[in-house]
């Protein structure tokens, strides 16, 4: 029942207010908690910093979010060779204002998101899809997710998702097993 929601273009005013709070926080000392993690591997260095605050009484949109307890900012810096990139994202959450917990929740979400995207791209070639008319892109995305879930649920065949997908296209009995179960 807890939530950690990214603020993007979906709530521009709220995102701006939280961004201003943490932009100010970086130069002044307020009641925030922070944590910094450094990961190395695969030829890159990733530095993630998370700031969390439970001081949200000033936030005008506070009443719109049930159980809102904290806001946070996560700065991700990636260094690959001579190239360096940096991104700052802002979040609202029902979790307590603990930088460690909020940072882990954000990191776990991106791990799941990246893993899902990779499977959809490798098994379904999602990035190559050129369907753009009306709602076709969204409709096909729903069908790909549904298919992926059905293929993951089917355990009798020890193949990759792409392999199971091909087998279902070749063998009607296997396709029925995927669709309806054993």
N, C-alpha and C. Protein backbone atom coordinates (compact mmCIF):
# COMPACT_ATOMS: atom_id res chain seq x y z
N UNK A 1 0.77 -1.19 0.00
CA UNK A 1 0.00 0.00 0.00
C UNK A 1 0.82 1.27 0.00
N UNK A 2 2.14 1.20 0.09
CA UNK A 2 2.98 2.40 0.06
C UNK A 2 3.23 2.83 -1.38
N UNK A 3 3.58 4.09 -1.57
CA UNK A 3 3.88 4.55 -2.91
C UNK A 3 5.10 5.47 -2.92
N UNK A 4 5.80 5.44 -4.03
CA UNK A 4 6.87 6.38 -4.35
C UNK A 4 6.60 6.77 -5.80
N UNK A 5 6.19 8.00 -6.02
CA UNK A 5 5.80 8.45 -7.35
C UNK A 5 6.76 9.50 -7.89
N UNK A 6 7.21 9.26 -9.12
CA UNK A 6 8.09 10.22 -9.78
C UNK A 6 7.29 11.43 -10.22
N UNK A 7 7.87 12.60 -10.04
CA UNK A 7 7.23 13.83 -10.51
C UNK A 7 7.87 14.21 -11.83
N UNK A 8 7.06 14.23 -12.87
CA UNK A 8 7.55 14.59 -14.19
C UNK A 8 6.57 15.61 -14.72
N UNK A 9 6.32 15.54 -16.01
CA UNK A 9 5.37 16.47 -16.61
C UNK A 9 3.94 16.21 -16.17
N UNK A 10 3.71 15.10 -15.43
CA UNK A 10 2.37 14.75 -15.00
C UNK A 10 1.81 15.73 -13.96
N UNK A 11 2.68 16.33 -13.16
CA UNK A 11 2.28 17.32 -12.15
C UNK A 11 3.33 18.43 -12.15
N UNK A 12 3.32 19.30 -13.17
CA UNK A 12 4.41 20.27 -13.32
C UNK A 12 4.57 21.24 -12.14
N UNK A 13 3.48 21.69 -11.54
CA UNK A 13 3.59 22.63 -10.43
C UNK A 13 4.19 21.94 -9.20
N UNK A 14 3.71 20.75 -8.89
CA UNK A 14 4.24 20.00 -7.76
C UNK A 14 5.71 19.67 -7.99
N UNK A 15 6.05 19.27 -9.20
CA UNK A 15 7.44 18.97 -9.51
C UNK A 15 8.31 20.21 -9.31
N UNK A 16 7.83 21.34 -9.77
CA UNK A 16 8.61 22.58 -9.63
C UNK A 16 8.80 22.96 -8.15
N UNK A 17 7.74 22.80 -7.35
CA UNK A 17 7.84 23.14 -5.93
C UNK A 17 8.85 22.25 -5.21
N UNK A 18 8.80 20.94 -5.49
CA UNK A 18 9.74 20.01 -4.85
C UNK A 18 11.16 20.26 -5.36
N UNK A 19 11.29 20.53 -6.65
CA UNK A 19 12.62 20.82 -7.23
C UNK A 19 13.21 22.07 -6.59
N UNK A 20 12.40 23.10 -6.40
CA UNK A 20 12.90 24.33 -5.77
C UNK A 20 13.31 24.08 -4.32
N UNK A 21 12.53 23.27 -3.62
CA UNK A 21 12.86 22.94 -2.24
C UNK A 21 14.24 22.30 -2.17
N UNK A 22 14.48 21.31 -3.01
CA UNK A 22 15.77 20.61 -2.95
C UNK A 22 16.89 21.40 -3.60
N UNK A 23 16.60 22.27 -4.54
CA UNK A 23 17.64 23.13 -5.10
C UNK A 23 18.14 24.07 -4.00
N UNK A 24 17.22 24.56 -3.19
CA UNK A 24 17.57 25.40 -2.06
C UNK A 24 18.29 24.57 -1.00
N UNK A 25 17.86 23.33 -0.82
CA UNK A 25 18.45 22.45 0.19
C UNK A 25 19.92 22.16 -0.10
N UNK A 26 20.29 22.11 -1.35
CA UNK A 26 21.67 21.80 -1.69
C UNK A 26 22.63 22.88 -1.22
N UNK A 27 22.14 24.09 -1.01
CA UNK A 27 23.01 25.18 -0.55
C UNK A 27 22.77 25.56 0.90
N UNK A 28 21.63 25.18 1.47
CA UNK A 28 21.33 25.50 2.87
C UNK A 28 21.05 24.22 3.64
N UNK A 29 21.18 24.27 4.92
CA UNK A 29 20.97 23.09 5.75
C UNK A 29 19.54 23.10 6.27
N UNK A 30 18.75 22.10 5.87
CA UNK A 30 17.38 21.95 6.36
C UNK A 30 17.24 20.56 6.96
N UNK A 31 16.08 20.26 7.40
CA UNK A 31 15.83 18.94 7.97
C UNK A 31 15.65 17.92 6.86
N UNK A 32 16.77 17.46 6.33
CA UNK A 32 16.72 16.40 5.33
C UNK A 32 17.72 15.33 5.72
N UNK A 33 17.49 14.18 5.17
CA UNK A 33 18.41 13.08 5.36
C UNK A 33 18.98 12.77 3.98
N UNK A 34 20.23 12.39 3.93
CA UNK A 34 20.82 12.09 2.62
C UNK A 34 21.62 10.80 2.68
N UNK A 35 21.80 10.22 1.50
CA UNK A 35 22.58 9.01 1.36
C UNK A 35 23.25 9.05 -0.01
N UNK A 36 24.46 8.50 -0.08
CA UNK A 36 25.21 8.47 -1.32
C UNK A 36 25.72 7.06 -1.55
N UNK A 37 25.53 6.56 -2.78
CA UNK A 37 26.01 5.23 -3.17
C UNK A 37 26.85 5.36 -4.43
N UNK A 38 27.92 4.59 -4.50
CA UNK A 38 28.77 4.57 -5.69
C UNK A 38 28.87 3.12 -6.14
N UNK A 39 28.54 2.88 -7.40
CA UNK A 39 28.65 1.55 -8.00
C UNK A 39 29.60 1.63 -9.18
N UNK A 40 30.44 0.62 -9.30
CA UNK A 40 31.34 0.54 -10.45
C UNK A 40 31.16 -0.82 -11.11
N UNK A 41 31.40 -0.85 -12.38
CA UNK A 41 31.30 -2.10 -13.12
C UNK A 41 30.91 -1.84 -14.55
N UNK A 42 31.22 -2.80 -15.41
CA UNK A 42 30.89 -2.71 -16.83
C UNK A 42 31.45 -1.44 -17.46
N UNK A 43 32.63 -0.99 -16.96
CA UNK A 43 33.29 0.17 -17.54
C UNK A 43 32.67 1.51 -17.19
N UNK A 44 31.87 1.54 -16.13
CA UNK A 44 31.25 2.81 -15.76
C UNK A 44 31.23 2.99 -14.25
N UNK A 45 31.07 4.23 -13.85
CA UNK A 45 30.91 4.58 -12.44
C UNK A 45 29.56 5.27 -12.31
N UNK A 46 28.77 4.82 -11.36
CA UNK A 46 27.47 5.45 -11.11
C UNK A 46 27.44 5.95 -9.67
N UNK A 47 27.13 7.23 -9.52
CA UNK A 47 27.02 7.84 -8.21
C UNK A 47 25.56 8.27 -8.05
N UNK A 48 24.90 7.75 -7.02
CA UNK A 48 23.51 8.11 -6.75
C UNK A 48 23.43 8.75 -5.37
N UNK A 49 22.82 9.92 -5.33
CA UNK A 49 22.60 10.61 -4.06
C UNK A 49 21.10 10.80 -3.89
N UNK A 50 20.63 10.58 -2.69
CA UNK A 50 19.21 10.74 -2.40
C UNK A 50 19.06 11.66 -1.19
N UNK A 51 18.18 12.64 -1.32
CA UNK A 51 17.83 13.52 -0.21
C UNK A 51 16.36 13.30 0.07
N UNK A 52 16.00 13.17 1.33
CA UNK A 52 14.61 12.93 1.71
C UNK A 52 14.22 13.91 2.81
N UNK A 53 12.96 14.35 2.75
CA UNK A 53 12.47 15.27 3.77
C UNK A 53 11.02 14.95 4.11
N UNK A 54 10.72 15.03 5.38
CA UNK A 54 9.35 14.89 5.86
C UNK A 54 8.73 16.24 6.17
N UNK A 55 9.49 17.29 5.93
CA UNK A 55 9.01 18.65 6.16
C UNK A 55 8.18 19.08 4.96
N UNK A 56 6.89 18.74 4.97
CA UNK A 56 6.04 19.00 3.81
C UNK A 56 4.81 19.86 4.13
N UNK A 57 4.76 20.43 5.31
CA UNK A 57 3.61 21.26 5.68
C UNK A 57 3.43 22.44 4.73
N UNK A 58 4.50 22.94 4.16
CA UNK A 58 4.48 24.08 3.25
C UNK A 58 3.94 23.72 1.86
N UNK A 59 3.86 22.43 1.53
CA UNK A 59 3.52 21.97 0.19
C UNK A 59 2.03 22.15 -0.07
N UNK A 60 1.65 23.03 -1.00
CA UNK A 60 0.22 23.28 -1.26
C UNK A 60 -0.56 22.03 -1.69
N UNK A 61 0.05 21.14 -2.44
CA UNK A 61 -0.65 19.96 -2.96
C UNK A 61 -0.69 18.81 -1.96
N UNK A 62 -0.23 19.04 -0.74
CA UNK A 62 -0.14 17.97 0.27
C UNK A 62 -1.48 17.27 0.49
N UNK A 63 -2.56 18.01 0.51
CA UNK A 63 -3.88 17.43 0.79
C UNK A 63 -4.40 16.56 -0.34
N UNK A 64 -3.84 16.72 -1.54
CA UNK A 64 -4.31 15.95 -2.70
C UNK A 64 -3.79 14.52 -2.70
N UNK A 65 -2.78 14.23 -1.87
CA UNK A 65 -2.14 12.93 -1.88
C UNK A 65 -2.36 12.22 -0.55
N UNK A 66 -3.11 11.15 -0.59
CA UNK A 66 -3.42 10.40 0.61
C UNK A 66 -2.14 9.82 1.21
N UNK A 67 -1.98 9.98 2.50
CA UNK A 67 -0.86 9.45 3.28
C UNK A 67 0.51 9.99 2.85
N UNK A 68 0.56 11.12 2.20
CA UNK A 68 1.84 11.71 1.79
C UNK A 68 2.66 12.03 3.03
N UNK A 69 3.89 11.46 3.09
CA UNK A 69 4.75 11.65 4.26
C UNK A 69 6.10 12.24 3.92
N UNK A 70 6.52 12.15 2.64
CA UNK A 70 7.87 12.60 2.33
C UNK A 70 8.01 13.02 0.87
N UNK A 71 9.04 13.82 0.65
CA UNK A 71 9.46 14.18 -0.70
C UNK A 71 10.95 13.83 -0.80
N UNK A 72 11.40 13.60 -2.02
CA UNK A 72 12.81 13.26 -2.17
C UNK A 72 13.33 13.72 -3.52
N UNK A 73 14.65 13.83 -3.58
CA UNK A 73 15.36 14.14 -4.81
C UNK A 73 16.46 13.10 -4.96
N UNK A 74 16.62 12.61 -6.17
CA UNK A 74 17.67 11.63 -6.46
C UNK A 74 18.51 12.18 -7.60
N UNK A 75 19.80 12.34 -7.32
CA UNK A 75 20.73 12.78 -8.36
C UNK A 75 21.55 11.57 -8.78
N UNK A 76 21.50 11.24 -10.06
CA UNK A 76 22.25 10.12 -10.62
C UNK A 76 23.31 10.67 -11.56
N UNK A 77 24.52 10.28 -11.29
CA UNK A 77 25.65 10.71 -12.13
C UNK A 77 26.29 9.45 -12.70
N UNK A 78 26.49 9.42 -14.00
CA UNK A 78 27.09 8.27 -14.67
C UNK A 78 28.33 8.72 -15.43
N UNK A 79 29.42 8.00 -15.19
CA UNK A 79 30.69 8.32 -15.85
C UNK A 79 31.13 7.08 -16.64
N UNK A 80 31.25 7.25 -17.95
CA UNK A 80 31.73 6.18 -18.83
C UNK A 80 32.89 6.76 -19.62
N UNK A 81 34.10 6.34 -19.25
CA UNK A 81 35.30 6.89 -19.89
C UNK A 81 35.40 8.38 -19.62
N UNK A 82 35.42 9.16 -20.67
CA UNK A 82 35.50 10.63 -20.54
C UNK A 82 34.12 11.29 -20.50
N UNK A 83 33.09 10.51 -20.81
CA UNK A 83 31.73 11.08 -20.84
C UNK A 83 31.08 11.01 -19.46
N UNK A 84 30.37 12.08 -19.16
CA UNK A 84 29.71 12.18 -17.86
C UNK A 84 28.29 12.70 -18.09
N UNK A 85 27.31 12.07 -17.46
CA UNK A 85 25.93 12.57 -17.54
C UNK A 85 25.35 12.62 -16.13
N UNK A 86 24.41 13.53 -15.96
CA UNK A 86 23.81 13.72 -14.63
C UNK A 86 22.33 14.00 -14.80
N UNK A 87 21.54 13.44 -13.90
CA UNK A 87 20.10 13.61 -13.94
C UNK A 87 19.60 13.76 -12.51
N UNK A 88 18.64 14.68 -12.31
CA UNK A 88 18.01 14.83 -10.99
C UNK A 88 16.52 14.56 -11.17
N UNK A 89 15.99 13.64 -10.35
CA UNK A 89 14.57 13.31 -10.40
C UNK A 89 13.97 13.60 -9.02
N UNK A 90 12.69 13.92 -9.01
CA UNK A 90 12.00 14.26 -7.76
C UNK A 90 10.82 13.32 -7.56
N UNK A 91 10.52 13.04 -6.27
CA UNK A 91 9.51 12.06 -5.93
C UNK A 91 8.68 12.53 -4.74
N UNK A 92 7.45 12.01 -4.66
CA UNK A 92 6.63 12.13 -3.46
C UNK A 92 6.38 10.70 -2.99
N UNK A 93 6.14 10.54 -1.67
CA UNK A 93 6.00 9.18 -1.16
C UNK A 93 5.19 9.13 0.12
N UNK A 94 4.60 7.95 0.32
CA UNK A 94 3.92 7.67 1.59
C UNK A 94 4.89 7.03 2.58
N UNK A 95 6.13 6.77 2.14
CA UNK A 95 7.14 6.21 3.04
C UNK A 95 7.68 7.28 3.98
N UNK A 96 8.24 6.87 5.11
CA UNK A 96 8.89 7.84 6.00
C UNK A 96 10.07 8.50 5.27
N UNK A 97 10.47 9.67 5.72
CA UNK A 97 11.55 10.41 5.03
C UNK A 97 12.94 9.85 5.32
N UNK A 98 13.16 8.63 4.89
CA UNK A 98 14.45 7.97 5.08
C UNK A 98 15.13 7.87 3.73
N UNK A 99 16.26 8.52 3.59
CA UNK A 99 16.96 8.55 2.30
C UNK A 99 17.29 7.15 1.82
N UNK A 100 17.71 6.28 2.73
CA UNK A 100 18.08 4.92 2.34
C UNK A 100 16.89 4.18 1.75
N UNK A 101 15.74 4.20 2.43
CA UNK A 101 14.55 3.47 1.97
C UNK A 101 14.03 4.04 0.65
N UNK A 102 13.97 5.37 0.55
CA UNK A 102 13.47 6.00 -0.68
C UNK A 102 14.42 5.75 -1.84
N UNK A 103 15.72 5.83 -1.58
CA UNK A 103 16.69 5.56 -2.63
C UNK A 103 16.60 4.13 -3.12
N UNK A 104 16.41 3.19 -2.21
CA UNK A 104 16.27 1.78 -2.60
C UNK A 104 14.99 1.55 -3.40
N UNK A 105 13.90 2.21 -3.01
CA UNK A 105 12.64 2.05 -3.74
C UNK A 105 12.76 2.57 -5.17
N UNK A 106 13.41 3.71 -5.33
CA UNK A 106 13.61 4.28 -6.66
C UNK A 106 14.50 3.37 -7.49
N UNK A 107 15.56 2.89 -6.90
CA UNK A 107 16.51 2.01 -7.60
C UNK A 107 15.83 0.70 -8.01
N UNK A 108 15.03 0.12 -7.11
CA UNK A 108 14.33 -1.13 -7.42
C UNK A 108 13.35 -0.93 -8.57
N UNK A 109 12.64 0.20 -8.57
CA UNK A 109 11.70 0.48 -9.64
C UNK A 109 12.41 0.54 -10.99
N UNK A 110 13.54 1.25 -11.05
CA UNK A 110 14.26 1.37 -12.31
C UNK A 110 14.84 0.03 -12.73
N UNK A 111 15.24 -0.81 -11.79
CA UNK A 111 15.73 -2.14 -12.15
C UNK A 111 14.64 -2.96 -12.80
N UNK A 112 13.45 -2.92 -12.24
CA UNK A 112 12.32 -3.64 -12.81
C UNK A 112 11.97 -3.06 -14.17
N UNK A 113 11.91 -1.75 -14.26
CA UNK A 113 11.56 -1.08 -15.52
C UNK A 113 12.57 -1.41 -16.61
N UNK A 114 13.85 -1.33 -16.29
CA UNK A 114 14.88 -1.63 -17.28
C UNK A 114 14.82 -3.10 -17.71
N UNK A 115 14.61 -4.00 -16.76
CA UNK A 115 14.52 -5.42 -17.06
C UNK A 115 13.34 -5.71 -17.97
N UNK A 116 12.19 -5.13 -17.66
CA UNK A 116 11.00 -5.32 -18.47
C UNK A 116 11.22 -4.78 -19.88
N UNK A 117 11.78 -3.59 -19.98
CA UNK A 117 12.02 -2.99 -21.30
C UNK A 117 12.97 -3.86 -22.11
N UNK A 118 14.00 -4.39 -21.48
CA UNK A 118 14.96 -5.22 -22.19
C UNK A 118 14.28 -6.46 -22.76
N UNK A 119 13.46 -7.14 -21.95
CA UNK A 119 12.77 -8.34 -22.42
C UNK A 119 11.82 -8.00 -23.56
N UNK A 120 11.07 -6.92 -23.42
CA UNK A 120 10.14 -6.53 -24.48
C UNK A 120 10.88 -6.19 -25.77
N UNK A 121 12.03 -5.58 -25.65
CA UNK A 121 12.78 -5.23 -26.85
C UNK A 121 13.42 -6.46 -27.48
N UNK A 122 13.99 -7.33 -26.67
CA UNK A 122 14.68 -8.51 -27.21
C UNK A 122 13.71 -9.56 -27.74
N UNK A 123 12.65 -9.85 -27.00
CA UNK A 123 11.73 -10.91 -27.39
C UNK A 123 10.66 -10.45 -28.38
N UNK A 124 10.28 -9.17 -28.29
CA UNK A 124 9.18 -8.68 -29.12
C UNK A 124 9.61 -7.58 -30.09
N UNK A 125 10.88 -7.19 -30.04
CA UNK A 125 11.43 -6.12 -30.91
C UNK A 125 10.59 -4.85 -30.77
N UNK A 126 10.22 -4.51 -29.54
CA UNK A 126 9.33 -3.39 -29.28
C UNK A 126 9.87 -2.07 -29.82
N UNK A 127 11.17 -1.84 -29.70
CA UNK A 127 11.74 -0.57 -30.17
C UNK A 127 11.63 -0.41 -31.69
N UNK A 128 11.45 -1.51 -32.41
CA UNK A 128 11.34 -1.45 -33.87
C UNK A 128 9.89 -1.27 -34.33
N UNK A 129 8.96 -1.28 -33.42
CA UNK A 129 7.54 -1.17 -33.76
C UNK A 129 7.26 0.22 -34.36
N UNK A 130 6.59 0.24 -35.49
CA UNK A 130 6.30 1.50 -36.18
C UNK A 130 4.81 1.82 -36.21
N UNK A 131 4.07 1.25 -35.29
CA UNK A 131 2.63 1.51 -35.22
C UNK A 131 2.42 2.81 -34.45
N UNK A 132 1.88 3.81 -35.12
CA UNK A 132 1.69 5.12 -34.47
C UNK A 132 0.30 5.71 -34.68
N UNK A 133 -0.48 5.12 -35.54
CA UNK A 133 -1.78 5.70 -35.87
C UNK A 133 -2.75 5.54 -34.69
N UNK A 134 -3.38 6.63 -34.35
CA UNK A 134 -4.38 6.67 -33.27
C UNK A 134 -3.82 6.01 -32.00
N UNK A 135 -4.52 5.00 -31.50
CA UNK A 135 -4.10 4.34 -30.25
C UNK A 135 -3.36 3.03 -30.49
N UNK A 136 -2.94 2.78 -31.70
CA UNK A 136 -2.34 1.47 -32.02
C UNK A 136 -1.09 1.18 -31.21
N UNK A 137 -0.23 2.16 -30.97
CA UNK A 137 1.00 1.92 -30.19
C UNK A 137 0.66 1.46 -28.78
N UNK A 138 -0.29 2.15 -28.13
CA UNK A 138 -0.68 1.77 -26.77
C UNK A 138 -1.37 0.42 -26.75
N UNK A 139 -2.23 0.16 -27.75
CA UNK A 139 -2.94 -1.13 -27.81
C UNK A 139 -1.96 -2.28 -27.98
N UNK A 140 -1.00 -2.12 -28.86
CA UNK A 140 -0.03 -3.20 -29.06
C UNK A 140 0.89 -3.36 -27.85
N UNK A 141 1.18 -2.29 -27.14
CA UNK A 141 1.98 -2.40 -25.91
C UNK A 141 1.23 -3.24 -24.88
N UNK A 142 -0.07 -3.03 -24.77
CA UNK A 142 -0.88 -3.83 -23.84
C UNK A 142 -0.85 -5.30 -24.25
N UNK A 143 -0.99 -5.56 -25.55
CA UNK A 143 -0.95 -6.95 -26.03
C UNK A 143 0.41 -7.60 -25.77
N UNK A 144 1.50 -6.86 -25.97
CA UNK A 144 2.84 -7.41 -25.70
C UNK A 144 3.00 -7.73 -24.21
N UNK A 145 2.53 -6.83 -23.32
CA UNK A 145 2.62 -7.09 -21.88
C UNK A 145 1.80 -8.31 -21.49
N UNK A 146 0.60 -8.42 -22.04
CA UNK A 146 -0.26 -9.56 -21.76
C UNK A 146 0.41 -10.85 -22.22
N UNK A 147 0.94 -10.83 -23.44
CA UNK A 147 1.63 -12.00 -23.98
C UNK A 147 2.85 -12.36 -23.12
N UNK A 148 3.62 -11.37 -22.74
CA UNK A 148 4.79 -11.62 -21.90
C UNK A 148 4.37 -12.30 -20.59
N UNK A 149 3.31 -11.81 -19.96
CA UNK A 149 2.85 -12.41 -18.70
C UNK A 149 2.37 -13.85 -18.90
N UNK A 150 1.68 -14.11 -20.01
CA UNK A 150 1.24 -15.49 -20.30
C UNK A 150 2.44 -16.41 -20.53
N UNK A 151 3.44 -15.94 -21.27
CA UNK A 151 4.62 -16.75 -21.54
C UNK A 151 5.43 -17.00 -20.26
N UNK A 152 5.51 -16.02 -19.39
CA UNK A 152 6.22 -16.22 -18.11
C UNK A 152 5.50 -17.22 -17.22
N UNK A 153 4.17 -17.23 -17.29
CA UNK A 153 3.37 -18.12 -16.45
C UNK A 153 3.51 -19.58 -16.88
N UNK A 154 3.75 -19.82 -18.16
CA UNK A 154 3.84 -21.19 -18.70
C UNK A 154 5.19 -21.77 -18.34
N UNK A 155 5.21 -22.83 -17.50
CA UNK A 155 6.46 -23.37 -16.94
C UNK A 155 6.88 -24.72 -17.53
N UNK A 156 6.07 -25.35 -18.38
CA UNK A 156 6.42 -26.69 -18.86
C UNK A 156 7.58 -26.68 -19.85
N UNK A 157 7.78 -25.57 -20.52
CA UNK A 157 8.83 -25.46 -21.53
C UNK A 157 9.99 -24.63 -20.98
N UNK A 158 11.19 -25.18 -21.03
CA UNK A 158 12.37 -24.49 -20.49
C UNK A 158 13.08 -23.72 -21.60
N UNK A 159 12.42 -22.74 -22.16
CA UNK A 159 13.00 -21.90 -23.21
C UNK A 159 12.95 -20.44 -22.76
N UNK A 160 13.64 -19.62 -23.52
CA UNK A 160 13.57 -18.17 -23.27
C UNK A 160 12.19 -17.68 -23.68
N UNK A 161 11.88 -16.44 -23.34
CA UNK A 161 10.60 -15.84 -23.74
C UNK A 161 10.50 -15.82 -25.27
N UNK A 162 11.58 -15.44 -25.94
CA UNK A 162 11.56 -15.42 -27.41
C UNK A 162 11.35 -16.83 -27.95
N UNK A 163 11.99 -17.84 -27.33
CA UNK A 163 11.82 -19.22 -27.76
C UNK A 163 10.40 -19.72 -27.55
N UNK A 164 9.81 -19.39 -26.41
CA UNK A 164 8.43 -19.77 -26.14
C UNK A 164 7.48 -19.10 -27.13
N UNK A 165 7.77 -17.85 -27.45
CA UNK A 165 6.94 -17.12 -28.41
C UNK A 165 6.97 -17.79 -29.78
N UNK A 166 8.16 -18.17 -30.23
CA UNK A 166 8.28 -18.86 -31.52
C UNK A 166 7.56 -20.20 -31.48
N UNK A 167 7.76 -20.95 -30.41
CA UNK A 167 7.12 -22.26 -30.28
C UNK A 167 5.59 -22.13 -30.32
N UNK A 168 5.06 -21.13 -29.66
CA UNK A 168 3.61 -20.91 -29.67
C UNK A 168 3.12 -20.59 -31.08
N UNK A 169 3.95 -19.93 -31.88
CA UNK A 169 3.57 -19.65 -33.26
C UNK A 169 3.63 -20.88 -34.15
N UNK A 170 4.47 -21.86 -33.80
CA UNK A 170 4.64 -23.06 -34.60
C UNK A 170 3.72 -24.20 -34.18
N UNK A 171 3.37 -24.24 -32.90
CA UNK A 171 2.67 -25.40 -32.34
C UNK A 171 1.39 -24.93 -31.65
N UNK A 172 0.24 -25.27 -32.27
CA UNK A 172 -1.05 -24.81 -31.72
C UNK A 172 -1.33 -25.38 -30.33
N UNK A 173 -0.89 -26.62 -30.08
CA UNK A 173 -1.11 -27.22 -28.75
C UNK A 173 -0.35 -26.44 -27.68
N UNK A 174 0.88 -26.04 -28.02
CA UNK A 174 1.65 -25.25 -27.05
C UNK A 174 1.01 -23.87 -26.87
N UNK A 175 0.51 -23.27 -27.97
CA UNK A 175 -0.14 -21.96 -27.86
C UNK A 175 -1.36 -22.08 -26.93
N UNK A 176 -2.12 -23.16 -27.05
CA UNK A 176 -3.27 -23.35 -26.18
C UNK A 176 -2.85 -23.49 -24.72
N UNK A 177 -1.72 -24.17 -24.50
CA UNK A 177 -1.19 -24.33 -23.15
C UNK A 177 -0.81 -22.96 -22.57
N UNK A 178 -0.21 -22.10 -23.41
CA UNK A 178 0.16 -20.75 -22.97
C UNK A 178 -1.11 -19.96 -22.63
N UNK A 179 -2.10 -20.04 -23.49
CA UNK A 179 -3.32 -19.24 -23.31
C UNK A 179 -4.21 -19.74 -22.17
N UNK A 180 -4.34 -21.07 -22.04
CA UNK A 180 -5.33 -21.62 -21.11
C UNK A 180 -4.74 -22.38 -19.93
N UNK A 181 -3.42 -22.55 -19.92
CA UNK A 181 -2.79 -23.28 -18.83
C UNK A 181 -2.67 -24.75 -19.15
N UNK A 182 -2.11 -25.54 -18.23
CA UNK A 182 -1.87 -26.97 -18.49
C UNK A 182 -3.14 -27.80 -18.65
